[in-house]
Amino acid sequence: MTALTPDVGRLGRRLKLRDLSILMAVVDCGTMGKAAKRLAISQPVVSKAISDMEHAVGVRLLDRSQSGVEPTPYGRALVKRGLAIFDEMRQGLNDIEFLSDPAAGEVSVGVTALVATAIASPVIDRLSQQHPRMRFHVTVADSAPLFGALESRHVELAISRPPRRRSDEHRIEILFHDALAVIAGAKHPLAGRRGLTLADLVDEPWLLFPRDSYFGALQEELFRSCGLEPPRPTVEITSSHLRNELLATQRFVTIVPGFSILLPRRRTDVKALAVNLPVAREPVAIITLKSRSLSPAAHMFVEHVRQLTKPLAKIR
């Protein structure tokens, strides 16, 4: 470490955080003029900052053209690290705020719609009662966009099924293994039937996730594993609230992760139909970046998620 200190010191004198933030703004805006307007500085100041950085690192960071600018591979690498640098600085300020006032702090989480209702909502409720000044930023999306938000550092952690293609950048903590469930309203005509198969339900009015979504793909795989063509849904749906409203009519059936009818407490307004599904339980996990330090508030959030989901880890 000592041997590296002089080089780091020289680089710190040559590369300024202000210049790095200007480069990031230029790449985000696509032109130096737009970046100057966003930053409320003159375009010559922007041009000089980029020129100084290119001189400092010895490579071209931007390709210029009449239509704007594009980052070179060197520019993209620096912007990627710049995102991490400024994110860690924000986390450091949040840490200071949290240490000076343990009841304050910020956490940004990304969750799927069903995780939002079953896991994030009760955890936020509990934490906000214990720490009224704590702030929460929640992104609700399909799994693939959540992983993108995680990698771009818009969220500190995501709770979802892990990505199918694992990345060396991800840290994955499996909370429990979950089974899919076919559910309907508690008074649905099929609620008391035994020995049902998916083939018996194909002609029922279905509420299904869009086919191009992560969970929609899982639903399609389930039907195909039973030798069935996926039914055409009566309603393609991502909203948990609308799904619950439609299930309450006692007409529709749907497929959901099993945890969504068990957390935060076992639901009594819906019932899992007695359908034997030939699929293995899949993990539900907390996904973070190995290169990113979680804020104290995020650590508290994670601990509460572990406590809430601990009973599900015992289900086999």
C-alpha atoms as a PDB file:
ATOM      1  CA  MET A   1       0.000   0.000   0.000  1.00  0.00           C
ATOM      2  CA  THR A   2       2.811   2.446   0.907  1.00  0.00           C
ATOM      3  CA  ALA A   3       4.513   1.963  -2.442  1.00  0.00           C
ATOM      4  CA  LEU A   4       1.340   3.005  -4.248  1.00  0.00           C
ATOM      5  CA  THR A   5       0.762   6.184  -2.271  1.00  0.00           C
ATOM      6  CA  PRO A   6       2.955   8.562  -4.368  1.00  0.00           C
ATOM      7  CA  ASP A   7       1.240   7.478  -7.613  1.00  0.00           C
ATOM      8  CA  VAL A   8      -2.187   7.917  -6.065  1.00  0.00           C
ATOM      9  CA  GLY A   9      -1.165  11.335  -4.820  1.00  0.00           C
ATOM     10  CA  ARG A  10       0.038  12.456  -8.253  1.00  0.00           C
ATOM     11  CA  LEU A  11      -3.118  11.144  -9.882  1.00  0.00           C
ATOM     12  CA  GLY A  12      -5.232  12.999  -7.324  1.00  0.00           C
ATOM     13  CA  ARG A  13      -3.497  16.257  -8.212  1.00  0.00           C
ATOM     14  CA  ARG A  14      -4.029  15.649 -11.935  1.00  0.00           C
ATOM     15  CA  LEU A  15      -7.599  14.296 -11.843  1.00  0.00           C
ATOM     16  CA  LYS A  16     -10.167  16.437 -10.078  1.00  0.00           C
ATOM     17  CA  LEU A  17     -13.573  15.209  -8.904  1.00  0.00           C
ATOM     18  CA  ARG A  18     -15.132  18.276 -10.515  1.00  0.00           C
ATOM     19  CA  ASP A  19     -13.662  17.316 -13.893  1.00  0.00           C
ATOM     20  CA  LEU A  20     -14.853  13.739 -13.457  1.00  0.00           C
ATOM     21  CA  SER A  21     -18.382  14.957 -12.735  1.00  0.00           C
ATOM     22  CA  ILE A  22     -18.226  17.116 -15.885  1.00  0.00           C
ATOM     23  CA  LEU A  23     -17.169  14.094 -17.968  1.00  0.00           C
ATOM     24  CA  MET A  24     -20.071  12.072 -16.555  1.00  0.00           C
ATOM     25  CA  ALA A  25     -22.504  14.883 -17.392  1.00  0.00           C
ATOM     26  CA  VAL A  26     -21.183  15.153 -20.956  1.00  0.00           C
ATOM     27  CA  VAL A  27     -21.557  11.409 -21.515  1.00  0.00           C
ATOM     28  CA  ASP A  28     -25.058  11.454 -20.031  1.00  0.00           C
ATOM     29  CA  CYS A  29     -26.179  14.503 -22.050  1.00  0.00           C
ATOM     30  CA  GLY A  30     -24.499  13.529 -25.327  1.00  0.00           C
ATOM     31  CA  THR A  31     -23.143  17.022 -26.077  1.00  0.00           C
ATOM     32  CA  MET A  32     -20.885  19.490 -24.286  1.00  0.00           C
ATOM     33  CA  GLY A  33     -23.424  22.274 -24.780  1.00  0.00           C
ATOM     34  CA  LYS A  34     -26.214  20.355 -23.023  1.00  0.00           C
ATOM     35  CA  ALA A  35     -23.842  19.353 -20.213  1.00  0.00           C
ATOM     36  CA  ALA A  36     -22.763  22.991 -19.757  1.00  0.00           C
ATOM     37  CA  LYS A  37     -26.396  24.061 -19.515  1.00  0.00           C
ATOM     38  CA  ARG A  38     -27.178  21.326 -16.965  1.00  0.00           C
ATOM     39  CA  LEU A  39     -24.150  22.243 -14.852  1.00  0.00           C
ATOM     40  CA  ALA A  40     -24.728  26.012 -15.237  1.00  0.00           C
ATOM     41  CA  ILE A  41     -21.195  26.631 -16.521  1.00  0.00           C
ATOM     42  CA  SER A  42     -19.830  27.774 -19.880  1.00  0.00           C
ATOM     43  CA  GLN A  43     -19.059  25.371 -22.709  1.00  0.00           C
ATOM     44  CA  PRO A  44     -15.365  26.432 -22.813  1.00  0.00           C
ATOM     45  CA  VAL A  45     -15.076  25.371 -19.152  1.00  0.00           C
ATOM     46  CA  VAL A  46     -16.518  21.960 -20.059  1.00  0.00           C
ATOM     47  CA  SER A  47     -14.156  21.607 -23.041  1.00  0.00           C
ATOM     48  CA  LYS A  48     -11.130  22.523 -20.923  1.00  0.00           C
ATOM     49  CA  ALA A  49     -12.066  20.053 -18.182  1.00  0.00           C
ATOM     50  CA  ILE A  50     -12.323  17.213 -20.725  1.00  0.00           C
ATOM     51  CA  SER A  51      -9.050  18.261 -22.377  1.00  0.00           C
ATOM     52  CA  ASP A  52      -7.277  18.383 -19.003  1.00  0.00           C
ATOM     53  CA  MET A  53      -8.521  14.887 -18.128  1.00  0.00           C
ATOM     54  CA  GLU A  54      -7.426  13.462 -21.480  1.00  0.00           C
ATOM     55  CA  HIS A  55      -3.996  15.015 -20.963  1.00  0.00           C
ATOM     56  CA  ALA A  56      -3.820  13.626 -17.420  1.00  0.00           C
ATOM     57  CA  VAL A  57      -4.642  10.026 -18.406  1.00  0.00           C
ATOM     58  CA  GLY A  58      -2.926  10.110 -21.792  1.00  0.00           C
ATOM     59  CA  VAL A  59      -5.830   8.738 -23.844  1.00  0.00           C
ATOM     60  CA  ARG A  60      -8.853  10.129 -25.678  1.00  0.00           C
ATOM     61  CA  LEU A  61     -11.973   9.889 -23.530  1.00  0.00           C
ATOM     62  CA  LEU A  62     -14.555  11.157 -26.044  1.00  0.00           C
ATOM     63  CA  ASP A  63     -15.100  10.798 -29.770  1.00  0.00           C
ATOM     64  CA  ARG A  64     -16.409  14.096 -31.128  1.00  0.00           C
ATOM     65  CA  SER A  65     -18.682  14.537 -34.124  1.00  0.00           C
ATOM     66  CA  GLN A  66     -21.119  17.140 -35.448  1.00  0.00           C
ATOM     67  CA  SER A  67     -23.998  15.259 -33.821  1.00  0.00           C
ATOM     68  CA  GLY A  68     -22.400  15.132 -30.369  1.00  0.00           C
ATOM     69  CA  VAL A  69     -19.968  13.013 -28.394  1.00  0.00           C
ATOM     70  CA  GLU A  70     -19.624   9.325 -27.580  1.00  0.00           C
ATOM     71  CA  PRO A  71     -17.383   7.900 -24.860  1.00  0.00           C
ATOM     72  CA  THR A  72     -14.422   5.840 -26.009  1.00  0.00           C
ATOM     73  CA  PRO A  73     -13.757   2.543 -24.194  1.00  0.00           C
ATOM     74  CA  TYR A  74     -11.411   4.557 -21.941  1.00  0.00           C
ATOM     75  CA  GLY A  75     -14.137   7.108 -21.295  1.00  0.00           C
ATOM     76  CA  ARG A  76     -16.698   4.407 -20.469  1.00  0.00           C
ATOM     77  CA  ALA A  77     -14.262   2.793 -18.033  1.00  0.00           C
ATOM     78  CA  LEU A  78     -13.658   6.113 -16.259  1.00  0.00           C
ATOM     79  CA  VAL A  79     -17.370   6.948 -16.108  1.00  0.00           C
ATOM     80  CA  LYS A  80     -18.131   3.513 -14.644  1.00  0.00           C
ATOM     81  CA  ARG A  81     -15.561   4.055 -11.895  1.00  0.00           C
ATOM     82  CA  GLY A  82     -16.795   7.622 -11.456  1.00  0.00           C
ATOM     83  CA  LEU A  83     -20.277   6.344 -10.672  1.00  0.00           C
ATOM     84  CA  ALA A  84     -18.749   4.146  -7.989  1.00  0.00           C
ATOM     85  CA  ILE A  85     -16.656   7.004  -6.582  1.00  0.00           C
ATOM     86  CA  PHE A  86     -19.565   9.425  -6.228  1.00  0.00           C
ATOM     87  CA  ASP A  87     -21.827   6.669  -4.927  1.00  0.00           C
ATOM     88  CA  GLU A  88     -19.318   5.803  -2.202  1.00  0.00           C
ATOM     89  CA  MET A  89     -19.038   9.492  -1.305  1.00  0.00           C
ATOM     90  CA  ARG A  90     -22.822   9.720  -0.967  1.00  0.00           C
ATOM     91  CA  GLN A  91     -22.775   6.573   1.139  1.00  0.00           C
ATOM     92  CA  GLY A  92     -20.067   8.098   3.319  1.00  0.00           C
ATOM     93  CA  LEU A  93     -22.181  11.199   3.955  1.00  0.00           C
ATOM     94  CA  ASN A  94     -25.176   8.982   4.717  1.00  0.00           C
ATOM     95  CA  ASP A  95     -23.023   6.967   7.126  1.00  0.00           C
ATOM     96  CA  ILE A  96     -21.979  10.141   8.925  1.00  0.00           C
ATOM     97  CA  GLU A  97     -25.607  11.242   9.196  1.00  0.00           C
ATOM     98  CA  PHE A  98     -26.618   7.821  10.472  1.00  0.00           C
ATOM     99  CA  LEU A  99     -23.780   7.656  13.017  1.00  0.00           C
ATOM    100  CA  SER A 100     -24.600  11.132  14.306  1.00  0.00           C
ATOM    101  CA  ASP A 101     -28.298  10.229  14.466  1.00  0.00           C
ATOM    102  CA  PRO A 102     -29.014   6.452  14.398  1.00  0.00           C
ATOM    103  CA  ALA A 103     -32.708   7.160  13.842  1.00  0.00           C
ATOM    104  CA  ALA A 104     -31.933   8.759  10.451  1.00  0.00           C
ATOM    105  CA  GLY A 105     -30.575   7.253   7.263  1.00  0.00           C
ATOM    106  CA  GLU A 106     -31.479   6.335   3.706  1.00  0.00           C
ATOM    107  CA  VAL A 107     -31.887   3.043   1.923  1.00  0.00           C
ATOM    108  CA  SER A 108     -32.672   2.462  -1.755  1.00  0.00           C
ATOM    109  CA  VAL A 109     -34.062  -0.955  -2.664  1.00  0.00           C
ATOM    110  CA  GLY A 110     -35.302  -2.621  -5.829  1.00  0.00           C
ATOM    111  CA  VAL A 111     -38.048  -5.234  -5.604  1.00  0.00           C
ATOM    112  CA  THR A 112     -40.502  -7.055  -7.825  1.00  0.00           C
ATOM    113  CA  ALA A 113     -44.188  -6.265  -7.416  1.00  0.00           C
ATOM    114  CA  LEU A 114     -44.943  -9.324  -5.270  1.00  0.00           C
ATOM    115  CA  VAL A 115     -41.837  -8.830  -3.120  1.00  0.00           C
ATOM    116  CA  ALA A 116     -42.910  -5.210  -2.611  1.00  0.00           C
ATOM    117  CA  THR A 117     -46.216  -6.304  -1.080  1.00  0.00           C
ATOM    118  CA  ALA A 118     -45.092  -9.384   0.843  1.00  0.00           C
ATOM    119  CA  ILE A 119     -41.613  -8.386   2.057  1.00  0.00           C
ATOM    120  CA  ALA A 120     -40.693  -4.740   1.495  1.00  0.00           C
ATOM    121  CA  SER A 121     -43.961  -3.294   2.810  1.00  0.00           C
ATOM    122  CA  PRO A 122     -43.911  -4.944   6.276  1.00  0.00           C
ATOM    123  CA  VAL A 123     -40.174  -4.289   6.675  1.00  0.00           C
ATOM    124  CA  ILE A 124     -40.570  -0.597   5.823  1.00  0.00           C
ATOM    125  CA  ASP A 125     -43.544  -0.347   8.173  1.00  0.00           C
ATOM    126  CA  ARG A 126     -41.548  -1.827  11.038  1.00  0.00           C
ATOM    127  CA  LEU A 127     -38.418   0.244  10.429  1.00  0.00           C
ATOM    128  CA  SER A 128     -40.304   3.496   9.919  1.00  0.00           C
ATOM    129  CA  GLN A 129     -42.020   3.011  13.278  1.00  0.00           C
ATOM    130  CA  GLN A 130     -38.697   2.340  15.007  1.00  0.00           C
ATOM    131  CA  HIS A 131     -36.842   5.124  13.142  1.00  0.00           C
ATOM    132  CA  PRO A 132     -39.345   7.790  12.003  1.00  0.00           C
ATOM    133  CA  ARG A 133     -36.673   9.892  10.242  1.00  0.00           C
ATOM    134  CA  MET A 134     -35.384   7.019   8.127  1.00  0.00           C
ATOM    135  CA  ARG A 135     -36.065   7.455   4.405  1.00  0.00           C
ATOM    136  CA  PHE A 136     -36.780   4.744   1.841  1.00  0.00           C
ATOM    137  CA  HIS A 137     -36.463   4.848  -1.951  1.00  0.00           C
ATOM    138  CA  VAL A 138     -38.223   1.849  -3.492  1.00  0.00           C
ATOM    139  CA  THR A 139     -38.017   0.835  -7.151  1.00  0.00           C
ATOM    140  CA  VAL A 140     -40.656  -1.706  -8.199  1.00  0.00           C
ATOM    141  CA  ALA A 141     -39.909  -3.435 -11.507  1.00  0.00           C
ATOM    142  CA  ASP A 142     -39.424  -6.744 -13.253  1.00  0.00           C
ATOM    143  CA  SER A 143     -36.256  -8.627 -12.284  1.00  0.00           C
ATOM    144  CA  ALA A 144     -34.170  -7.718 -15.353  1.00  0.00           C
ATOM    145  CA  PRO A 145     -34.575  -3.924 -14.931  1.00  0.00           C
ATOM    146  CA  LEU A 146     -33.836  -4.342 -11.219  1.00  0.00           C
ATOM    147  CA  PHE A 147     -30.481  -5.941 -11.987  1.00  0.00           C
ATOM    148  CA  GLY A 148     -29.740  -3.009 -14.310  1.00  0.00           C
ATOM    149  CA  ALA A 149     -30.672  -0.526 -11.574  1.00  0.00           C
ATOM    150  CA  LEU A 150     -28.381  -2.381  -9.177  1.00  0.00           C
ATOM    151  CA  GLU A 151     -25.421  -2.300 -11.572  1.00  0.00           C
ATOM    152  CA  SER A 152     -25.961   1.399 -12.318  1.00  0.00           C
ATOM    153  CA  ARG A 153     -26.094   2.012  -8.549  1.00  0.00           C
ATOM    154  CA  HIS A 154     -29.605   3.442  -8.559  1.00  0.00           C
ATOM    155  CA  VAL A 155     -30.481   0.913  -5.835  1.00  0.00           C
ATOM    156  CA  GLU A 156     -28.279  -0.524  -3.090  1.00  0.00           C
ATOM    157  CA  LEU A 157     -29.862  -3.955  -3.116  1.00  0.00           C
ATOM    158  CA  ALA A 158     -32.452  -5.971  -4.978  1.00  0.00           C
ATOM    159  CA  ILE A 159     -34.751  -8.717  -3.690  1.00  0.00           C
ATOM    160  CA  SER A 160     -35.750 -11.144  -6.408  1.00  0.00           C
ATOM    161  CA  ARG A 161     -35.040 -14.504  -7.909  1.00  0.00           C
ATOM    162  CA  PRO A 162     -31.323 -14.369  -8.795  1.00  0.00           C
ATOM    163  CA  PRO A 163     -30.382 -13.616 -12.415  1.00  0.00           C
ATOM    164  CA  ARG A 164     -30.159 -16.725 -14.549  1.00  0.00           C
ATOM    165  CA  ARG A 165     -26.799 -15.600 -15.846  1.00  0.00           C
ATOM    166  CA  ARG A 166     -24.741 -14.994 -12.749  1.00  0.00           C
ATOM    167  CA  SER A 167     -22.287 -12.106 -12.743  1.00  0.00           C
ATOM    168  CA  ASP A 168     -18.996 -12.016 -10.857  1.00  0.00           C
ATOM    169  CA  GLU A 169     -20.017  -8.526  -9.724  1.00  0.00           C
ATOM    170  CA  HIS A 170     -23.040  -9.790  -7.776  1.00  0.00           C
ATOM    171  CA  ARG A 171     -23.155 -10.966  -4.174  1.00  0.00           C
ATOM    172  CA  ILE A 172     -26.146 -13.276  -3.728  1.00  0.00           C
ATOM    173  CA  GLU A 173     -27.589 -14.182  -0.322  1.00  0.00           C
ATOM    174  CA  ILE A 174     -30.334 -16.794  -0.675  1.00  0.00           C
ATOM    175  CA  LEU A 175     -33.147 -16.147   1.790  1.00  0.00           C
ATOM    176  CA  PHE A 176     -35.324 -19.184   1.031  1.00  0.00           C
ATOM    177  CA  HIS A 177     -36.406 -21.505  -1.767  1.00  0.00           C
ATOM    178  CA  ASP A 178     -39.895 -20.826  -3.059  1.00  0.00           C
ATOM    179  CA  ALA A 179     -42.476 -22.957  -4.841  1.00  0.00           C
ATOM    180  CA  LEU A 180     -44.982 -21.627  -7.349  1.00  0.00           C
ATOM    181  CA  ALA A 181     -48.652 -21.818  -6.408  1.00  0.00           C
ATOM    182  CA  VAL A 182     -51.854 -21.745  -8.446  1.00  0.00           C
ATOM    183  CA  ILE A 183     -54.303 -19.629  -6.475  1.00  0.00           C
ATOM    184  CA  ALA A 184     -57.883 -18.396  -6.678  1.00  0.00           C
ATOM    185  CA  GLY A 185     -60.311 -16.575  -4.430  1.00  0.00           C
ATOM    186  CA  ALA A 186     -61.123 -18.480  -1.247  1.00  0.00           C
ATOM    187  CA  LYS A 187     -64.717 -19.091  -2.474  1.00  0.00           C
ATOM    188  CA  HIS A 188     -63.794 -20.006  -6.050  1.00  0.00           C
ATOM    189  CA  PRO A 189     -65.726 -23.115  -7.279  1.00  0.00           C
ATOM    190  CA  LEU A 190     -62.443 -25.049  -7.584  1.00  0.00           C
ATOM    191  CA  ALA A 191     -61.130 -24.083  -4.132  1.00  0.00           C
ATOM    192  CA  GLY A 192     -62.242 -27.358  -2.552  1.00  0.00           C
ATOM    193  CA  ARG A 193     -61.360 -29.702  -5.416  1.00  0.00           C
ATOM    194  CA  ARG A 194     -58.588 -32.286  -5.011  1.00  0.00           C
ATOM    195  CA  GLY A 195     -56.297 -33.855  -7.571  1.00  0.00           C
ATOM    196  CA  LEU A 196     -56.363 -30.989 -10.032  1.00  0.00           C
ATOM    197  CA  THR A 197     -53.855 -30.668 -12.872  1.00  0.00           C
ATOM    198  CA  LEU A 198     -52.936 -27.675 -14.984  1.00  0.00           C
ATOM    199  CA  ALA A 199     -54.731 -29.367 -17.879  1.00  0.00           C
ATOM    200  CA  ASP A 200     -57.973 -29.109 -15.847  1.00  0.00           C
ATOM    201  CA  LEU A 201     -57.480 -25.359 -15.573  1.00  0.00           C
ATOM    202  CA  VAL A 202     -56.447 -24.378 -19.095  1.00  0.00           C
ATOM    203  CA  ASP A 203     -59.897 -23.041 -19.979  1.00  0.00           C
ATOM    204  CA  GLU A 204     -60.284 -21.014 -16.777  1.00  0.00           C
ATOM    205  CA  PRO A 205     -59.973 -17.199 -16.982  1.00  0.00           C
ATOM    206  CA  TRP A 206     -56.280 -16.585 -16.163  1.00  0.00           C
ATOM    207  CA  LEU A 207     -54.459 -13.616 -14.697  1.00  0.00           C
ATOM    208  CA  LEU A 208     -50.859 -13.905 -15.910  1.00  0.00           C
ATOM    209  CA  PHE A 209     -47.750 -11.768 -16.022  1.00  0.00           C
ATOM    210  CA  PRO A 210     -46.752 -10.444 -19.471  1.00  0.00           C
ATOM    211  CA  ARG A 211     -44.873 -13.075 -21.463  1.00  0.00           C
ATOM    212  CA  ASP A 212     -41.841 -10.841 -21.943  1.00  0.00           C
ATOM    213  CA  SER A 213     -41.365 -10.429 -18.180  1.00  0.00           C
ATOM    214  CA  TYR A 214     -39.109 -12.554 -15.980  1.00  0.00           C
ATOM    215  CA  PHE A 215     -41.991 -14.153 -14.070  1.00  0.00           C
ATOM    216  CA  GLY A 216     -44.099 -14.425 -17.206  1.00  0.00           C
ATOM    217  CA  ALA A 217     -41.350 -16.597 -18.714  1.00  0.00           C
ATOM    218  CA  LEU A 218     -41.465 -18.818 -15.606  1.00  0.00           C
ATOM    219  CA  GLN A 219     -45.219 -19.201 -15.997  1.00  0.00           C
ATOM    220  CA  GLU A 220     -44.825 -20.248 -19.633  1.00  0.00           C
ATOM    221  CA  GLU A 221     -42.148 -22.781 -18.703  1.00  0.00           C
ATOM    222  CA  LEU A 222     -44.493 -24.263 -16.116  1.00  0.00           C
ATOM    223  CA  PHE A 223     -47.230 -24.959 -18.672  1.00  0.00           C
ATOM    224  CA  ARG A 224     -44.776 -26.343 -21.222  1.00  0.00           C
ATOM    225  CA  SER A 225     -43.228 -28.650 -18.608  1.00  0.00           C
ATOM    226  CA  CYS A 226     -46.710 -30.175 -18.270  1.00  0.00           C
ATOM    227  CA  GLY A 227     -46.962 -30.644 -22.043  1.00  0.00           C
ATOM    228  CA  LEU A 228     -49.406 -27.742 -22.407  1.00  0.00           C
ATOM    229  CA  GLU A 229     -49.453 -24.613 -24.502  1.00  0.00           C
ATOM    230  CA  PRO A 230     -49.639 -21.598 -22.192  1.00  0.00           C
ATOM    231  CA  PRO A 231     -53.228 -20.306 -22.123  1.00  0.00           C
ATOM    232  CA  ARG A 232     -54.091 -16.911 -23.484  1.00  0.00           C
ATOM    233  CA  PRO A 233     -54.646 -14.833 -20.341  1.00  0.00           C
ATOM    234  CA  THR A 234     -57.878 -13.001 -19.798  1.00  0.00           C
ATOM    235  CA  VAL A 235     -55.786 -10.264 -18.188  1.00  0.00           C
ATOM    236  CA  GLU A 236     -52.037  -9.637 -18.505  1.00  0.00           C
ATOM    237  CA  ILE A 237     -51.178  -8.049 -15.215  1.00  0.00           C
ATOM    238  CA  THR A 238     -48.285  -6.784 -13.104  1.00  0.00           C
ATOM    239  CA  SER A 239     -50.242  -4.903 -10.433  1.00  0.00           C
ATOM    240  CA  SER A 240     -50.656  -6.874  -7.201  1.00  0.00           C
ATOM    241  CA  HIS A 241     -53.549  -4.625  -6.155  1.00  0.00           C
ATOM    242  CA  LEU A 242     -55.502  -5.212  -9.378  1.00  0.00           C
ATOM    243  CA  ARG A 243     -54.760  -8.949  -9.207  1.00  0.00           C
ATOM    244  CA  ASN A 244     -56.193  -9.120  -5.690  1.00  0.00           C
ATOM    245  CA  GLU A 245     -59.285  -7.173  -6.737  1.00  0.00           C
ATOM    246  CA  LEU A 246     -59.944  -9.562  -9.615  1.00  0.00           C
ATOM    247  CA  LEU A 247     -59.330 -12.650  -7.493  1.00  0.00           C
ATOM    248  CA  ALA A 248     -61.935 -11.317  -5.058  1.00  0.00           C
ATOM    249  CA  THR A 249     -64.573 -11.760  -7.770  1.00  0.00           C
ATOM    250  CA  GLN A 250     -64.087 -15.553  -7.319  1.00  0.00           C
ATOM    251  CA  ARG A 251     -63.805 -16.006 -11.115  1.00  0.00           C
ATOM    252  CA  PHE A 252     -60.092 -15.932 -11.911  1.00  0.00           C
ATOM    253  CA  VAL A 253     -57.062 -18.145 -11.303  1.00  0.00           C
ATOM    254  CA  THR A 254     -53.408 -17.152 -11.371  1.00  0.00           C
ATOM    255  CA  ILE A 255     -49.888 -18.365 -10.613  1.00  0.00           C
ATOM    256  CA  VAL A 256     -47.811 -16.608  -7.977  1.00  0.00           C
ATOM    257  CA  PRO A 257     -44.716 -17.267  -5.894  1.00  0.00           C
ATOM    258  CA  GLY A 258     -45.777 -19.201  -2.805  1.00  0.00           C
ATOM    259  CA  PHE A 259     -44.263 -16.654  -0.427  1.00  0.00           C
ATOM    260  CA  SER A 260     -46.727 -14.008  -1.633  1.00  0.00           C
ATOM    261  CA  ILE A 261     -49.632 -15.783   0.104  1.00  0.00           C
ATOM    262  CA  LEU A 262     -47.631 -16.529   3.267  1.00  0.00           C
ATOM    263  CA  LEU A 263     -46.029 -13.136   3.994  1.00  0.00           C
ATOM    264  CA  PRO A 264     -46.315 -10.989   5.947  1.00  0.00           C
ATOM    265  CA  ARG A 265     -49.002 -13.354   7.252  1.00  0.00           C
ATOM    266  CA  ARG A 266     -50.937 -16.194   5.683  1.00  0.00           C
ATOM    267  CA  ARG A 267     -53.682 -14.785   3.488  1.00  0.00           C
ATOM    268  CA  THR A 268     -57.221 -16.029   4.039  1.00  0.00           C
ATOM    269  CA  ASP A 269     -58.912 -14.287   1.103  1.00  0.00           C
ATOM    270  CA  VAL A 270     -57.212 -16.571  -1.448  1.00  0.00           C
ATOM    271  CA  LYS A 271     -56.506 -20.280  -1.548  1.00  0.00           C
ATOM    272  CA  ALA A 272     -53.792 -22.358  -3.181  1.00  0.00           C
ATOM    273  CA  LEU A 273     -55.530 -24.869  -5.430  1.00  0.00           C
ATOM    274  CA  ALA A 274     -54.596 -28.534  -5.017  1.00  0.00           C
ATOM    275  CA  VAL A 275     -52.486 -28.671  -8.181  1.00  0.00           C
ATOM    276  CA  ASN A 276     -49.318 -30.748  -8.220  1.00  0.00           C
ATOM    277  CA  LEU A 277     -46.734 -28.648 -10.083  1.00  0.00           C
ATOM    278  CA  PRO A 278     -43.691 -30.472 -11.511  1.00  0.00           C
ATOM    279  CA  VAL A 279     -41.183 -27.712 -10.770  1.00  0.00           C
ATOM    280  CA  ALA A 280     -38.429 -27.398  -8.228  1.00  0.00           C
ATOM    281  CA  ARG A 281     -38.356 -24.661  -5.634  1.00  0.00           C
ATOM    282  CA  GLU A 282     -36.392 -21.631  -6.821  1.00  0.00           C
ATOM    283  CA  PRO A 283     -34.289 -19.322  -4.658  1.00  0.00           C
ATOM    284  CA  VAL A 284     -35.328 -15.841  -3.608  1.00  0.00           C
ATOM    285  CA  ALA A 285     -32.319 -13.751  -2.709  1.00  0.00           C
ATOM    286  CA  ILE A 286     -30.895 -10.424  -1.667  1.00  0.00           C
ATOM    287  CA  ILE A 287     -28.611  -9.304  -4.482  1.00  0.00           C
ATOM    288  CA  THR A 288     -25.936  -6.642  -3.961  1.00  0.00           C
ATOM    289  CA  LEU A 289     -22.745  -5.534  -5.689  1.00  0.00           C
ATOM    290  CA  LYS A 290     -19.491  -6.922  -4.335  1.00  0.00           C
ATOM    291  CA  SER A 291     -17.834  -3.586  -5.038  1.00  0.00           C
ATOM    292  CA  ARG A 292     -20.398  -1.521  -3.135  1.00  0.00           C
ATOM    293  CA  SER A 293     -20.552  -0.917   0.606  1.00  0.00           C
ATOM    294  CA  LEU A 294     -24.070  -0.931   2.006  1.00  0.00           C
ATOM    295  CA  SER A 295     -25.188   1.982   4.140  1.00  0.00           C
ATOM    296  CA  PRO A 296     -25.996   1.342   7.813  1.00  0.00           C
ATOM    297  CA  ALA A 297     -29.684   1.834   6.984  1.00  0.00           C
ATOM    298  CA  ALA A 298     -29.436  -0.806   4.248  1.00  0.00           C
ATOM    299  CA  HIS A 299     -27.821  -3.224   6.713  1.00  0.00           C
ATOM    300  CA  MET A 300     -30.771  -2.689   9.055  1.00  0.00           C
ATOM    301  CA  PHE A 301     -33.203  -3.244   6.189  1.00  0.00           C
ATOM    302  CA  VAL A 302     -31.448  -6.504   5.246  1.00  0.00           C
ATOM    303  CA  GLU A 303     -31.516  -7.754   8.840  1.00  0.00           C
ATOM    304  CA  HIS A 304     -35.267  -7.133   9.072  1.00  0.00           C
ATOM    305  CA  VAL A 305     -35.788  -8.953   5.755  1.00  0.00           C
ATOM    306  CA  ARG A 306     -33.865 -11.935   7.145  1.00  0.00           C
ATOM    307  CA  GLN A 307     -36.026 -12.002  10.276  1.00  0.00           C
ATOM    308  CA  LEU A 308     -39.262 -11.777   8.286  1.00  0.00           C
ATOM    309  CA  THR A 309     -38.346 -14.539   5.835  1.00  0.00           C
ATOM    310  CA  LYS A 310     -36.571 -16.861   8.286  1.00  0.00           C
ATOM    311  CA  PRO A 311     -39.606 -19.170   8.733  1.00  0.00           C
ATOM    312  CA  LEU A 312     -39.697 -19.764   4.961  1.00  0.00           C
ATOM    313  CA  ALA A 313     -36.088 -20.968   4.967  1.00  0.00           C
ATOM    314  CA  LYS A 314     -37.230 -23.991   6.990  1.00  0.00           C
ATOM    315  CA  ILE A 315     -39.802 -25.108   4.403  1.00  0.00           C
ATOM    316  CA  ARG A 316     -38.615 -27.958   2.192  1.00  0.00           C
END
